[in-house]
Amino acid sequence: MEKVMFLIYGNHPKANTIKERAIKIVRLLKTCNDWVDLNEIEKELKINRNESPSLFYKPLSAMKKWRLIDNKRKATGQKGKSVIYTTYYKYTPERFLSYLKDGLFSICETEIKMFK
């Protein structure tokens, strides 16, 4: 998992804390094998997402971009006229591997051909 985290977050010293949180998230999602509520991830990280949103969402955002995890929003209730949504996450290594094979390969191939 070390090389995967290096691909996603790089090797900057400040990225180490993000990598640690990301590994916790991946372990939780991998053990559940199904969609996990955002509240459970919040409990696992022990970070309040309302008080420290950047600490909480930074690892999730990068993993979504690289398709290591997938998310979906589902309407779970209603408060007056507004609808309450819950976000769920799932570990998707197949999508990550296909992103690496298809997406990055074609991008790198294009850049290498254009290099003068």
Protein backbone atom coordinates (compact mmCIF):
# COMPACT_ATOMS: atom_id res chain seq x y z
CA MET A 1 0.00 0.00 0.00
CA GLU A 2 3.05 2.24 0.38
CA LYS A 3 3.54 2.64 -3.39
CA VAL A 4 -0.17 3.34 -3.94
CA MET A 5 -0.07 6.10 -1.33
CA PHE A 6 3.08 7.49 -2.97
CA LEU A 7 1.26 7.65 -6.33
CA ILE A 8 -1.73 9.41 -4.84
CA TYR A 9 -0.08 11.81 -2.36
CA GLY A 10 3.57 12.11 -3.43
CA ASN A 11 6.51 12.24 -1.04
CA HIS A 12 6.24 15.66 0.60
CA PRO A 13 6.81 15.47 4.38
CA LYS A 14 3.44 17.15 5.04
CA ALA A 15 1.72 14.39 3.07
CA ASN A 16 2.71 11.76 5.65
CA THR A 17 -0.15 12.66 7.99
CA ILE A 18 -2.60 12.54 5.08
CA LYS A 19 -1.25 9.11 4.08
CA GLU A 20 -1.78 7.81 7.62
CA ARG A 21 -5.41 8.92 7.60
CA ALA A 22 -5.88 7.49 4.10
CA ILE A 23 -4.53 4.09 5.17
CA LYS A 24 -6.98 4.04 8.10
CA ILE A 25 -9.83 4.81 5.71
CA VAL A 26 -8.78 2.10 3.24
CA ARG A 27 -8.48 -0.48 6.03
CA LEU A 28 -11.97 0.36 7.27
CA LEU A 29 -13.49 0.22 3.78
CA LYS A 30 -11.64 -2.99 2.94
CA THR A 31 -12.90 -4.80 6.03
CA CYS A 32 -16.52 -3.79 5.39
CA ASN A 33 -16.67 -4.91 1.71
CA ASP A 34 -19.72 -2.70 1.24
CA TRP A 35 -20.76 0.92 1.32
CA VAL A 36 -19.69 2.65 4.54
CA ASP A 37 -21.43 5.68 5.99
CA LEU A 38 -19.39 8.87 6.30
CA ASN A 39 -20.12 8.89 10.05
CA GLU A 40 -18.28 5.59 10.49
CA ILE A 41 -15.22 7.02 8.73
CA GLU A 42 -15.44 10.02 11.03
CA LYS A 43 -15.44 7.70 14.08
CA GLU A 44 -12.46 5.73 12.71
CA LEU A 45 -10.37 8.86 12.11
CA LYS A 46 -11.54 10.51 15.36
CA ILE A 47 -11.79 13.84 13.51
CA ASN A 48 -14.94 15.93 13.54
CA ARG A 49 -15.63 16.77 9.89
CA ASN A 50 -17.50 19.96 10.81
CA GLU A 51 -14.70 21.34 13.00
CA SER A 52 -11.76 20.28 10.78
CA PRO A 53 -13.09 19.71 7.27
CA SER A 54 -9.70 19.94 5.53
CA LEU A 55 -8.17 17.29 7.81
CA PHE A 56 -11.12 15.02 7.20
CA TYR A 57 -11.83 15.43 3.48
CA LYS A 58 -8.30 15.77 2.05
CA PRO A 59 -7.50 12.02 1.99
CA LEU A 60 -10.99 11.19 0.69
CA SER A 61 -10.77 13.71 -2.12
CA ALA A 62 -7.44 12.44 -3.47
CA MET A 63 -8.54 8.79 -3.30
CA LYS A 64 -11.76 9.65 -5.17
CA LYS A 65 -9.75 11.44 -7.86
CA TRP A 66 -7.58 8.34 -8.38
CA ARG A 67 -10.71 6.12 -8.14
CA LEU A 68 -9.36 4.08 -5.23
CA ILE A 69 -12.68 4.73 -3.49
CA ASP A 70 -16.11 5.47 -4.86
CA ASN A 71 -18.86 7.49 -3.26
CA LYS A 72 -22.62 7.88 -3.54
CA ARG A 73 -25.16 10.15 -1.90
CA LYS A 74 -28.51 8.88 -0.80
CA ALA A 75 -31.51 10.78 0.52
CA THR A 76 -32.05 9.47 4.04
CA GLY A 77 -34.61 11.84 5.45
CA GLN A 78 -36.27 15.19 5.36
CA LYS A 79 -36.05 18.16 7.70
CA GLY A 80 -38.85 20.56 6.88
CA LYS A 81 -38.59 21.33 3.17
CA SER A 82 -34.93 20.32 2.84
CA VAL A 83 -33.78 16.78 2.10
CA ILE A 84 -31.09 15.18 4.25
CA TYR A 85 -28.43 13.26 2.32
CA THR A 86 -25.95 10.70 3.59
CA THR A 87 -22.70 10.00 1.78
CA TYR A 88 -21.39 6.46 1.49
CA TYR A 89 -17.93 5.27 0.43
CA LYS A 90 -16.67 1.98 -0.95
CA TYR A 91 -13.18 0.60 -1.62
CA THR A 92 -12.81 -0.04 -5.39
CA PRO A 93 -9.35 -1.41 -6.28
CA GLU A 94 -10.57 -2.61 -9.71
CA ARG A 95 -11.49 0.93 -10.75
CA PHE A 96 -8.13 2.19 -9.48
CA LEU A 97 -6.23 -0.40 -11.54
CA SER A 98 -8.26 0.32 -14.66
CA TYR A 99 -7.62 4.04 -14.14
CA LEU A 100 -3.89 3.33 -13.96
CA LYS A 101 -3.92 1.10 -17.03
CA ASP A 102 -6.17 3.17 -19.28
CA GLY A 103 -5.99 6.74 -18.08
CA LEU A 104 -2.39 7.20 -17.06
CA PHE A 105 -1.00 5.07 -19.85
CA SER A 106 -2.77 7.11 -22.52
CA ILE A 107 -1.79 10.42 -20.87
CA CYS A 108 1.86 9.42 -20.61
CA GLU A 109 1.88 8.03 -24.14
CA THR A 110 0.52 11.32 -25.50
CA GLU A 111 3.03 13.39 -23.54
CA ILE A 112 5.97 11.24 -24.66
CA LYS A 113 4.94 11.55 -28.32
CA MET A 114 4.57 15.32 -28.00
CA PHE A 115 7.95 15.78 -26.26
CA LYS A 116 10.51 17.45 -28.53
